[in-house]
Each structure stands twice: as C-alpha cells, then as structure tokens.
PDB file of N, CA and C in Angstrom:
ATOM      1  N   MET A   1      40.812  35.049 177.148  1.00  0.00           N
ATOM      2  CA  MET A   1      41.188  34.924 175.750  1.00  0.00           C
ATOM      3  C   MET A   1      41.797  33.542 175.461  1.00  0.00           C
ATOM      4  N   ARG A   2      42.090  32.782 176.462  1.00  0.00           N
ATOM      5  CA  ARG A   2      42.705  31.467 176.230  1.00  0.00           C
ATOM      6  C   ARG A   2      41.894  30.529 175.354  1.00  0.00           C
ATOM      7  N   PRO A   3      40.563  30.497 175.482  1.00  0.00           N
ATOM      8  CA  PRO A   3      39.804  29.574 174.627  1.00  0.00           C
ATOM      9  C   PRO A   3      39.779  29.972 173.150  1.00  0.00           C
ATOM     10  N   ALA A   4      40.347  31.119 172.800  1.00  0.00           N
ATOM     11  CA  ALA A   4      40.366  31.603 171.410  1.00  0.00           C
ATOM     12  C   ALA A   4      38.954  31.719 170.846  1.00  0.00           C
ATOM     13  N   ARG A   5      38.083  32.333 171.644  1.00  0.00           N
ATOM     14  CA  ARG A   5      36.718  32.617 171.220  1.00  0.00           C
ATOM     15  C   ARG A   5      36.505  34.126 171.266  1.00  0.00           C
ATOM     16  N   PRO A   6      35.581  34.622 170.470  1.00  0.00           N
ATOM     17  CA  PRO A   6      35.252  36.038 170.553  1.00  0.00           C
ATOM     18  C   PRO A   6      34.632  36.355 171.916  1.00  0.00           C
ATOM     19  N   VAL A   7      34.843  37.588 172.373  1.00  0.00           N
ATOM     20  CA  VAL A   7      34.311  38.017 173.658  1.00  0.00           C
ATOM     21  C   VAL A   7      33.636  39.374 173.495  1.00  0.00           C
ATOM     22  N   LEU A   8      32.452  39.492 174.055  1.00  0.00           N
ATOM     23  CA  LEU A   8      31.799  40.783 174.195  1.00  0.00           C
ATOM     24  C   LEU A   8      32.041  41.187 175.643  1.00  0.00           C
ATOM     25  N   LEU A   9      32.888  42.179 175.838  1.00  0.00           N
ATOM     26  CA  LEU A   9      33.299  42.605 177.171  1.00  0.00           C
ATOM     27  C   LEU A   9      32.554  43.876 177.552  1.00  0.00           C
ATOM     28  N   ASP A  10      31.656  43.754 178.518  1.00  0.00           N
ATOM     29  CA  ASP A  10      30.826  44.860 178.978  1.00  0.00           C
ATOM     30  C   ASP A  10      31.510  45.508 180.179  1.00  0.00           C
ATOM     31  N   LEU A  11      31.973  46.726 180.001  1.00  0.00           N
ATOM     32  CA  LEU A  11      32.674  47.456 181.057  1.00  0.00           C
ATOM     33  C   LEU A  11      31.778  48.466 181.770  1.00  0.00           C
ATOM     34  N   ALA A  12      30.522  48.575 181.350  1.00  0.00           N
ATOM     35  CA  ALA A  12      29.633  49.611 181.890  1.00  0.00           C
ATOM     36  C   ALA A  12      28.275  49.066 182.324  1.00  0.00           C
ATOM     37  N   ASP A  13      28.176  47.744 182.465  1.00  0.00           N
ATOM     38  CA  ASP A  13      26.914  47.112 182.852  1.00  0.00           C
ATOM     39  C   ASP A  13      25.787  47.528 181.915  1.00  0.00           C
ATOM     40  N   ARG A  14      26.024  47.364 180.625  1.00  0.00           N
ATOM     41  CA  ARG A  14      25.060  47.734 179.586  1.00  0.00           C
ATOM     42  C   ARG A  14      24.203  46.525 179.217  1.00  0.00           C
ATOM     43  N   SER A  15      23.177  46.267 180.001  1.00  0.00           N
ATOM     44  CA  SER A  15      22.299  45.130 179.720  1.00  0.00           C
ATOM     45  C   SER A  15      21.650  45.253 178.338  1.00  0.00           C
ATOM     46  N   ASP A  16      21.417  46.476 177.880  1.00  0.00           N
ATOM     47  CA  ASP A  16      20.827  46.671 176.558  1.00  0.00           C
ATOM     48  C   ASP A  16      21.723  46.097 175.462  1.00  0.00           C
ATOM     49  N   LEU A  17      23.025  46.271 175.593  1.00  0.00           N
ATOM     50  CA  LEU A  17      23.933  45.751 174.567  1.00  0.00           C
ATOM     51  C   LEU A  17      24.169  44.259 174.748  1.00  0.00           C
ATOM     52  N   ARG A  18      24.182  43.779 175.973  1.00  0.00           N
ATOM     53  CA  ARG A  18      24.287  42.328 176.177  1.00  0.00           C
ATOM     54  C   ARG A  18      23.077  41.635 175.562  1.00  0.00           C
ATOM     55  N   GLU A  19      21.901  42.222 175.716  1.00  0.00           N
ATOM     56  CA  GLU A  19      20.686  41.658 175.114  1.00  0.00           C
ATOM     57  C   GLU A  19      20.754  41.688 173.590  1.00  0.00           C
ATOM     58  N   SER A  20      21.370  42.712 173.028  1.00  0.00           N
ATOM     59  CA  SER A  20      21.508  42.809 171.570  1.00  0.00           C
ATOM     60  C   SER A  20      22.357  41.686 171.000  1.00  0.00           C
ATOM     61  N   ALA A  21      23.206  41.109 171.824  1.00  0.00           N
ATOM     62  CA  ALA A  21      24.115  40.043 171.375  1.00  0.00           C
ATOM     63  C   ALA A  21      23.562  38.652 171.625  1.00  0.00           C
ATOM     64  N   GLN A  22      22.335  38.538 172.084  1.00  0.00           N
ATOM     65  CA  GLN A  22      21.797  37.230 172.450  1.00  0.00           C
ATOM     66  C   GLN A  22      21.800  36.213 171.315  1.00  0.00           C
ATOM     67  N   GLY A  23      21.615  36.607 170.114  1.00  0.00           N
ATOM     68  CA  GLY A  23      21.597  35.660 169.002  1.00  0.00           C
ATOM     69  C   GLY A  23      22.945  35.038 168.691  1.00  0.00           C
ATOM     70  N   TRP A  24      24.000  35.537 169.307  1.00  0.00           N
ATOM     71  CA  TRP A  24      25.357  35.039 169.048  1.00  0.00           C
ATOM     72  C   TRP A  24      25.973  34.325 170.263  1.00  0.00           C
ATOM     73  N   GLU A  25      25.175  34.056 171.290  1.00  0.00           N
ATOM     74  CA  GLU A  25      25.717  33.501 172.528  1.00  0.00           C
ATOM     75  C   GLU A  25      26.439  32.174 172.350  1.00  0.00           C
ATOM     76  N   ARG A  26      26.068  31.404 171.361  1.00  0.00           N
ATOM     77  CA  ARG A  26      26.749  30.117 171.129  1.00  0.00           C
ATOM     78  C   ARG A  26      28.141  30.303 170.528  1.00  0.00           C
ATOM     79  N   ARG A  27      28.368  31.481 169.940  1.00  0.00           N
ATOM     80  CA  ARG A  27      29.656  31.732 169.280  1.00  0.00           C
ATOM     81  C   ARG A  27      30.482  32.817 169.938  1.00  0.00           C
ATOM     82  N   VAL A  28      29.858  33.673 170.757  1.00  0.00           N
ATOM     83  CA  VAL A  28      30.556  34.800 171.375  1.00  0.00           C
ATOM     84  C   VAL A  28      30.328  34.748 172.884  1.00  0.00           C
ATOM     85  N   ASP A  29      31.401  34.727 173.649  1.00  0.00           N
ATOM     86  CA  ASP A  29      31.297  34.753 175.108  1.00  0.00           C
ATOM     87  C   ASP A  29      30.977  36.174 175.558  1.00  0.00           C
ATOM     88  N   VAL A  30      30.012  36.317 176.442  1.00  0.00           N
ATOM     89  CA  VAL A  30      29.628  37.628 176.974  1.00  0.00           C
ATOM     90  C   VAL A  30      30.116  37.702 178.416  1.00  0.00           C
ATOM     91  N   ARG A  31      30.926  38.719 178.706  1.00  0.00           N
ATOM     92  CA  ARG A  31      31.502  38.890 180.044  1.00  0.00           C
ATOM     93  C   ARG A  31      31.330  40.334 180.486  1.00  0.00           C
ATOM     94  N   THR A  32      31.229  40.534 181.784  1.00  0.00           N
ATOM     95  CA  THR A  32      31.200  41.878 182.348  1.00  0.00           C
ATOM     96  C   THR A  32      32.429  42.061 183.220  1.00  0.00           C
ATOM     97  N   ALA A  33      32.885  43.285 183.324  1.00  0.00           N
ATOM     98  CA  ALA A  33      34.050  43.620 184.144  1.00  0.00           C
ATOM     99  C   ALA A  33      33.940  45.071 184.554  1.00  0.00           C
ATOM    100  N   LYS A  34      34.711  45.455 185.544  1.00  0.00           N
ATOM    101  CA  LYS A  34      34.756  46.854 185.989  1.00  0.00           C
ATOM    102  C   LYS A  34      36.190  47.347 185.910  1.00  0.00           C
ATOM    103  N   THR A  35      36.307  48.624 185.603  1.00  0.00           N
ATOM    104  CA  THR A  35      37.612  49.268 185.540  1.00  0.00           C
ATOM    105  C   THR A  35      37.444  50.720 185.992  1.00  0.00           C
ATOM    106  N   GLY A  36      38.497  51.291 186.495  1.00  0.00           N
ATOM    107  CA  GLY A  36      38.428  52.670 186.979  1.00  0.00           C
ATOM    108  C   GLY A  36      38.035  53.653 185.901  1.00  0.00           C
ATOM    109  N   GLU A  37      38.782  53.726 184.854  1.00  0.00           N
ATOM    110  CA  GLU A  37      38.485  54.599 183.715  1.00  0.00           C
ATOM    111  C   GLU A  37      38.336  53.734 182.486  1.00  0.00           C
ATOM    112  N   ARG A  38      37.087  53.549 182.079  1.00  0.00           N
ATOM    113  CA  ARG A  38      36.860  52.644 180.957  1.00  0.00           C
ATOM    114  C   ARG A  38      37.141  53.342 179.628  1.00  0.00           C
ATOM    115  N   PRO A  39      37.778  52.635 178.711  1.00  0.00           N
ATOM    116  CA  PRO A  39      38.056  53.195 177.389  1.00  0.00           C
ATOM    117  C   PRO A  39      36.823  53.204 176.492  1.00  0.00           C
ATOM    118  N   ALA A  40      35.851  52.352 176.830  1.00  0.00           N
ATOM    119  CA  ALA A  40      34.619  52.211 176.069  1.00  0.00           C
ATOM    120  C   ALA A  40      33.597  51.550 176.986  1.00  0.00           C
ATOM    121  N   ASP A  41      32.343  51.597 176.601  1.00  0.00           N
ATOM    122  CA  ASP A  41      31.331  50.902 177.392  1.00  0.00           C
ATOM    123  C   ASP A  41      31.388  49.396 177.153  1.00  0.00           C
ATOM    124  N   VAL A  42      31.504  49.017 175.891  1.00  0.00           N
ATOM    125  CA  VAL A  42      31.511  47.606 175.507  1.00  0.00           C
ATOM    126  C   VAL A  42      32.539  47.411 174.405  1.00  0.00           C
ATOM    127  N   LEU A  43      33.263  46.298 174.484  1.00  0.00           N
ATOM    128  CA  LEU A  43      34.239  45.939 173.452  1.00  0.00           C
ATOM    129  C   LEU A  43      33.873  44.579 172.867  1.00  0.00           C
ATOM    130  N   LEU A  44      33.912  44.473 171.563  1.00  0.00           N
ATOM    131  CA  LEU A  44      33.784  43.181 170.896  1.00  0.00           C
ATOM    132  C   LEU A  44      35.194  42.780 170.483  1.00  0.00           C
ATOM    133  N   ILE A  45      35.692  41.716 171.083  1.00  0.00           N
ATOM    134  CA  ILE A  45      37.083  41.315 170.903  1.00  0.00           C
ATOM    135  C   ILE A  45      37.125  40.027 170.085  1.00  0.00           C
ATOM    136  N   ARG A  46      37.863  40.062 168.995  1.00  0.00           N
ATOM    137  CA  ARG A  46      38.021  38.886 168.139  1.00  0.00           C
ATOM    138  C   ARG A  46      38.854  37.821 168.855  1.00  0.00           C
ATOM    139  N   PRO A  47      38.830  36.593 168.391  1.00  0.00           N
ATOM    140  CA  PRO A  47      39.631  35.535 169.016  1.00  0.00           C
ATOM    141  C   PRO A  47      41.138  35.813 169.013  1.00  0.00           C
ATOM    142  N   ASP A  48      41.604  36.644 168.089  1.00  0.00           N
ATOM    143  CA  ASP A  48      43.033  36.976 168.048  1.00  0.00           C
ATOM    144  C   ASP A  48      43.355  38.183 168.927  1.00  0.00           C
ATOM    145  N   ALA A  49      42.395  38.602 169.753  1.00  0.00           N
ATOM    146  CA  ALA A  49      42.526  39.677 170.742  1.00  0.00           C
ATOM    147  C   ALA A  49      42.489  41.082 170.156  1.00  0.00           C
ATOM    148  N   HIS A  50      42.163  41.228 168.906  1.00  0.00           N
ATOM    149  CA  HIS A  50      41.993  42.559 168.312  1.00  0.00           C
ATOM    150  C   HIS A  50      40.561  43.030 168.551  1.00  0.00           C
ATOM    151  N   ILE A  51      40.395  44.325 168.714  1.00  0.00           N
ATOM    152  CA  ILE A  51      39.075  44.908 168.921  1.00  0.00           C
ATOM    153  C   ILE A  51      38.358  44.983 167.579  1.00  0.00           C
ATOM    154  N   ALA A  52      37.212  44.334 167.483  1.00  0.00           N
ATOM    155  CA  ALA A  52      36.419  44.358 166.255  1.00  0.00           C
ATOM    156  C   ALA A  52      35.429  45.512 166.257  1.00  0.00           C
ATOM    157  N   TRP A  53      35.011  45.940 167.470  1.00  0.00           N
ATOM    158  CA  TRP A  53      34.014  47.001 167.583  1.00  0.00           C
ATOM    159  C   TRP A  53      34.034  47.511 169.011  1.00  0.00           C
ATOM    160  N   ALA A  54      33.648  48.771 169.209  1.00  0.00           N
ATOM    161  CA  ALA A  54      33.565  49.337 170.553  1.00  0.00           C
ATOM    162  C   ALA A  54      32.412  50.328 170.621  1.00  0.00           C
ATOM    163  N   ALA A  55      31.713  50.325 171.747  1.00  0.00           N
ATOM    164  CA  ALA A  55      30.693  51.337 172.022  1.00  0.00           C
ATOM    165  C   ALA A  55      31.367  52.436 172.829  1.00  0.00           C
ATOM    166  N   ALA A  56      31.299  53.642 172.352  1.00  0.00           N
ATOM    167  CA  ALA A  56      31.896  54.774 173.067  1.00  0.00           C
ATOM    168  C   ALA A  56      31.269  54.908 174.454  1.00  0.00           C
ATOM    169  N   VAL A  57      31.989  55.520 175.357  1.00  0.00           N
ATOM    170  CA  VAL A  57      31.478  55.755 176.703  1.00  0.00           C
ATOM    171  C   VAL A  57      30.170  56.549 176.598  1.00  0.00           C
ATOM    172  N   ASP A  58      29.142  56.009 177.215  1.00  0.00           N
ATOM    173  CA  ASP A  58      27.806  56.617 177.244  1.00  0.00           C
ATOM    174  C   ASP A  58      27.139  56.750 175.871  1.00  0.00           C
ATOM    175  N   GLU A  59      27.552  55.934 174.910  1.00  0.00           N
ATOM    176  CA  GLU A  59      26.898  55.954 173.594  1.00  0.00           C
ATOM    177  C   GLU A  59      25.448  55.496 173.740  1.00  0.00           C
ATOM    178  N   PRO A  60      24.504  56.209 173.150  1.00  0.00           N
ATOM    179  CA  PRO A  60      23.098  55.825 173.274  1.00  0.00           C
ATOM    180  C   PRO A  60      22.817  54.457 172.661  1.00  0.00           C
ATOM    181  N   ALA A  61      21.898  53.738 173.261  1.00  0.00           N
ATOM    182  CA  ALA A  61      21.531  52.413 172.769  1.00  0.00           C
ATOM    183  C   ALA A  61      21.009  52.471 171.336  1.00  0.00           C
ATOM    184  N   GLY A  62      20.388  53.581 170.976  1.00  0.00           N
ATOM    185  CA  GLY A  62      19.829  53.723 169.633  1.00  0.00           C
ATOM    186  C   GLY A  62      20.865  53.634 168.526  1.00  0.00           C
ATOM    187  N   THR A  63      22.096  54.005 168.818  1.00  0.00           N
ATOM    188  CA  THR A  63      23.161  53.864 167.821  1.00  0.00           C
ATOM    189  C   THR A  63      24.062  52.668 168.127  1.00  0.00           C
ATOM    190  N   ALA A  64      24.287  52.390 169.403  1.00  0.00           N
ATOM    191  CA  ALA A  64      25.214  51.319 169.773  1.00  0.00           C
ATOM    192  C   ALA A  64      24.656  49.931 169.465  1.00  0.00           C
ATOM    193  N   ALA A  65      23.385  49.691 169.773  1.00  0.00           N
ATOM    194  CA  ALA A  65      22.816  48.359 169.578  1.00  0.00           C
ATOM    195  C   ALA A  65      22.811  47.925 168.108  1.00  0.00           C
ATOM    196  N   PRO A  66      22.336  48.764 167.181  1.00  0.00           N
ATOM    197  CA  PRO A  66      22.383  48.341 165.776  1.00  0.00           C
ATOM    198  C   PRO A  66      23.815  48.171 165.262  1.00  0.00           C
ATOM    199  N   ALA A  67      24.713  49.010 165.718  1.00  0.00           N
ATOM    200  CA  ALA A  67      26.108  48.895 165.288  1.00  0.00           C
ATOM    201  C   ALA A  67      26.731  47.605 165.820  1.00  0.00           C
ATOM    202  N   LEU A  68      26.393  47.247 167.053  1.00  0.00           N
ATOM    203  CA  LEU A  68      26.897  45.990 167.611  1.00  0.00           C
ATOM    204  C   LEU A  68      26.367  44.808 166.831  1.00  0.00           C
ATOM    205  N   ARG A  69      25.084  44.798 166.554  1.00  0.00           N
ATOM    206  CA  ARG A  69      24.506  43.677 165.793  1.00  0.00           C
ATOM    207  C   ARG A  69      25.136  43.573 164.395  1.00  0.00           C
ATOM    208  N   GLN A  70      25.423  44.704 163.780  1.00  0.00           N
ATOM    209  CA  GLN A  70      26.074  44.681 162.475  1.00  0.00           C
ATOM    210  C   GLN A  70      27.489  44.117 162.589  1.00  0.00           C
ATOM    211  N   ALA A  71      28.235  44.541 163.605  1.00  0.00           N
ATOM    212  CA  ALA A  71      29.595  44.031 163.796  1.00  0.00           C
ATOM    213  C   ALA A  71      29.576  42.536 164.091  1.00  0.00           C
ATOM    214  N   LEU A  72      28.654  42.098 164.913  1.00  0.00           N
ATOM    215  CA  LEU A  72      28.545  40.665 165.201  1.00  0.00           C
ATOM    216  C   LEU A  72      28.249  39.881 163.922  1.00  0.00           C
ATOM    217  N   SER A  73      27.344  40.395 163.102  1.00  0.00           N
ATOM    218  CA  SER A  73      27.020  39.727 161.830  1.00  0.00           C
ATOM    219  C   SER A  73      28.203  39.714 160.881  1.00  0.00           C
ATOM    220  N   ASP A  74      28.886  40.854 160.781  1.00  0.00           N
ATOM    221  CA  ASP A  74      30.034  40.949 159.877  1.00  0.00           C
ATOM    222  C   ASP A  74      31.138  39.974 160.263  1.00  0.00           C
ATOM    223  N   TRP A  75      31.419  39.877 161.556  1.00  0.00           N
ATOM    224  CA  TRP A  75      32.541  39.063 162.018  1.00  0.00           C
ATOM    225  C   TRP A  75      32.179  37.611 162.285  1.00  0.00           C
ATOM    226  N   PHE A  76      30.953  37.356 162.753  1.00  0.00           N
ATOM    227  CA  PHE A  76      30.643  36.009 163.240  1.00  0.00           C
ATOM    228  C   PHE A  76      29.390  35.406 162.626  1.00  0.00           C
ATOM    229  N   GLY A  77      28.896  36.007 161.556  1.00  0.00           N
ATOM    230  CA  GLY A  77      27.748  35.452 160.837  1.00  0.00           C
ATOM    231  C   GLY A  77      26.420  35.888 161.411  1.00  0.00           C
ATOM    232  N   ALA A  78      25.375  35.397 160.808  1.00  0.00           N
ATOM    233  CA  ALA A  78      24.010  35.750 161.218  1.00  0.00           C
ATOM    234  C   ALA A  78      23.730  35.195 162.613  1.00  0.00           C
ATOM    235  N   PRO A  79      22.804  35.837 163.328  1.00  0.00           N
ATOM    236  CA  PRO A  79      22.446  35.298 164.644  1.00  0.00           C
ATOM    237  C   PRO A  79      21.770  33.948 164.514  1.00  0.00           C
ATOM    238  N   ASP A  80      21.841  33.158 165.568  1.00  0.00           N
ATOM    239  CA  ASP A  80      21.140  31.878 165.574  1.00  0.00           C
ATOM    240  C   ASP A  80      19.648  32.152 165.479  1.00  0.00           C
ATOM    241  N   ALA A  81      18.962  31.436 164.624  1.00  0.00           N
ATOM    242  CA  ALA A  81      17.544  31.689 164.362  1.00  0.00           C
ATOM    243  C   ALA A  81      16.693  31.540 165.618  1.00  0.00           C
ATOM    244  N   ASP A  82      17.015  30.598 166.480  1.00  0.00           N
ATOM    245  CA  ASP A  82      16.188  30.381 167.658  1.00  0.00           C
ATOM    246  C   ASP A  82      16.495  31.360 168.794  1.00  0.00           C
ATOM    247  N   ASP A  83      17.570  32.168 168.655  1.00  0.00           N
ATOM    248  CA  ASP A  83      17.949  33.128 169.689  1.00  0.00           C
ATOM    249  C   ASP A  83      17.769  34.573 169.262  1.00  0.00           C
ATOM    250  N   ALA A  84      17.613  34.840 167.985  1.00  0.00           N
ATOM    251  CA  ALA A  84      17.575  36.219 167.471  1.00  0.00           C
ATOM    252  C   ALA A  84      16.301  36.930 167.816  1.00  0.00           C
TER     253      ALA A  84
END
C-alpha cells in the first residue's frame, strides 16, 4: 500500500478475475497472496486502503467477473483500449 496505488488482491488464485482486470493493469496493481481463512476470494483495495469491492469466497466467475469490471470502471475509469 505504500505506493498509494489501487491493488487487486487475489487470495484464492482466481486467474479468471485477474484476467478480468487486464484492462486496468497500468492503473491497478494485481497481487496474489495466501491466507489460512480468506475473508473473500479477491479484494479491490483503493489507494486509501479501503475495500472498493470483494468477491465472496467461491463466488462464480459469471457474477464476480462482471461485478469486478464494473467496480474497476466506477473507481478507476474505463479500461485501457489496447488492453481491454
């Protein structure tokens, strides 16, 4: 969080959701981590360290991916045209 950039924190190795965020890679850092009991599969963390969005544990990609893309757009603008 030191660089004061948004972070997409993947706690469940959800490549599907990391791929959904590809259009925002220049503006949002994507990181993976492991924890014993995860509170969510993926967290979108604003630069001020507040949670902007979370994918529930085992949330299906069919609902999580569109919701993530909407949250990324709402908070950080449209995806980069060459990456979307």
